[in-house]
Amino acid sequence: MFLLDDILLFPLRAPVAGFRWIMKQIQTMADEELLDDQPWKERLIELQMMLELGELSEGDYAREEQQVFTALRDIRARREEIARQYAAERGEVEDEGGIGIYTGYGK
């Protein structure tokens, strides 16, 4: 009976399954782009080179550098939030104690 149900309902289930797969792929790509900090790190190196070559003033460098660090902090916060959500889904209790690691661009 279940095989017959699967065969008869296939025309209805297939488009829904395909749509879910497409939406999952889009979500995965968006998450990867939002969590990718490499372009921001490359931008920081580029700014440092421009400052050393005299193509950028100290004020402009400080302004641009602040934007880069803000973006890096946002990415870090997103990563931490996702890690907390996964831990909550698995039922793991977050330990507030322990050793923290200073990464250089936190609040």
Protein backbone atom coordinates (compact mmCIF):
# COMPACT_ATOMS: atom_id res chain seq x y z
CA MET A 1 0.00 0.00 0.00
CA PHE A 2 2.82 2.43 0.81
CA LEU A 3 4.48 1.82 -2.53
CA LEU A 4 1.20 2.53 -4.28
CA ASP A 5 0.81 5.76 -2.26
CA ASP A 6 4.32 6.84 -3.22
CA ILE A 7 3.69 6.19 -6.89
CA LEU A 8 0.35 7.97 -6.93
CA LEU A 9 1.55 11.00 -4.94
CA PHE A 10 4.88 11.38 -6.76
CA PRO A 11 3.58 14.09 -9.15
CA LEU A 12 2.61 16.16 -6.11
CA ARG A 13 5.64 15.50 -3.93
CA ALA A 14 8.38 15.91 -6.54
CA PRO A 15 7.89 19.64 -7.19
CA VAL A 16 7.73 20.35 -3.45
CA ALA A 17 10.90 18.35 -2.83
CA GLY A 18 12.67 20.15 -5.69
CA PHE A 19 11.59 23.54 -4.37
CA ARG A 20 12.83 22.66 -0.87
CA TRP A 21 16.18 21.56 -2.30
CA ILE A 22 16.55 24.82 -4.25
CA MET A 23 15.69 26.91 -1.18
CA LYS A 24 18.18 24.95 0.94
CA GLN A 25 20.90 25.58 -1.66
CA ILE A 26 20.12 29.30 -1.69
CA GLN A 27 20.21 29.39 2.12
CA THR A 28 23.56 27.59 2.17
CA MET A 29 25.08 29.99 -0.35
CA ALA A 30 23.77 33.02 1.56
CA ASP A 31 25.17 31.70 4.84
CA GLU A 32 28.56 31.06 3.28
CA GLU A 33 28.69 34.57 1.85
CA LEU A 34 27.59 36.19 5.12
CA LEU A 35 30.15 34.22 7.12
CA ASP A 36 33.11 34.66 4.75
CA ASP A 37 35.61 37.03 6.33
CA GLN A 38 38.37 36.57 3.74
CA PRO A 39 37.35 39.52 1.50
CA TRP A 40 37.42 41.81 4.53
CA LYS A 41 40.87 40.59 5.56
CA GLU A 42 42.09 41.15 2.02
CA ARG A 43 40.60 44.66 2.09
CA LEU A 44 42.51 45.40 5.31
CA ILE A 45 45.80 44.30 3.71
CA GLU A 46 44.98 46.40 0.65
CA LEU A 47 44.35 49.45 2.86
CA GLN A 48 47.64 48.94 4.68
CA MET A 49 49.51 48.77 1.39
CA MET A 50 47.78 51.91 0.12
CA LEU A 51 48.71 53.74 3.33
CA GLU A 52 52.36 52.67 3.04
CA LEU A 53 52.50 53.78 -0.59
CA GLY A 54 50.99 57.14 0.26
CA GLU A 55 47.84 56.58 -1.80
CA LEU A 56 45.67 56.92 1.31
CA SER A 57 45.74 59.50 4.11
CA GLU A 58 45.78 58.52 7.79
CA GLY A 59 42.23 59.80 8.27
CA ASP A 60 40.87 57.86 5.30
CA TYR A 61 42.74 54.78 6.46
CA ALA A 62 41.27 55.02 9.97
CA ARG A 63 37.77 55.43 8.57
CA GLU A 64 38.10 52.48 6.18
CA GLU A 65 39.79 50.34 8.83
CA GLN A 66 36.89 50.97 11.21
CA GLN A 67 34.43 49.74 8.56
CA VAL A 68 36.48 46.59 8.04
CA PHE A 69 36.67 45.85 11.77
CA THR A 70 32.94 46.46 12.14
CA ALA A 71 32.24 43.95 9.36
CA LEU A 72 34.62 41.41 10.95
CA ARG A 73 32.89 41.84 14.33
CA ASP A 74 29.50 41.29 12.69
CA ILE A 75 30.73 38.11 11.01
CA ARG A 76 32.16 36.86 14.29
CA ALA A 77 28.87 37.57 16.08
CA ARG A 78 26.93 35.69 13.37
CA ARG A 79 29.27 32.70 13.69
CA GLU A 80 28.89 32.66 17.47
CA GLU A 81 25.10 32.91 17.20
CA ILE A 82 24.99 30.00 14.75
CA ALA A 83 27.22 27.95 17.07
CA ARG A 84 24.89 28.73 20.00
CA GLN A 85 21.86 27.69 17.93
CA TYR A 86 23.48 24.39 16.94
CA ALA A 87 24.47 23.73 20.55
CA ALA A 88 20.91 24.45 21.70
CA GLU A 89 19.50 22.13 19.02
CA ARG A 90 21.77 19.34 20.25
CA GLY A 91 20.84 20.07 23.86
CA GLU A 92 24.34 21.08 24.89
CA VAL A 93 24.61 23.49 27.79
CA GLU A 94 26.84 26.47 27.18
CA ASP A 95 29.55 26.79 29.82
CA GLU A 96 30.13 30.40 30.84
CA GLY A 97 33.39 29.60 32.61
CA GLY A 98 36.68 28.56 31.05
CA ILE A 99 39.34 30.28 29.04
CA GLY A 100 38.53 32.91 26.45
CA ILE A 101 40.68 33.65 23.43
CA TYR A 102 41.15 37.26 22.40
CA THR A 103 41.06 37.45 18.62
CA GLY A 104 41.93 41.11 18.32
CA TYR A 105 38.68 42.40 16.90
CA GLY A 106 36.03 41.76 19.49
CA LYS A 107 34.02 44.19 21.54
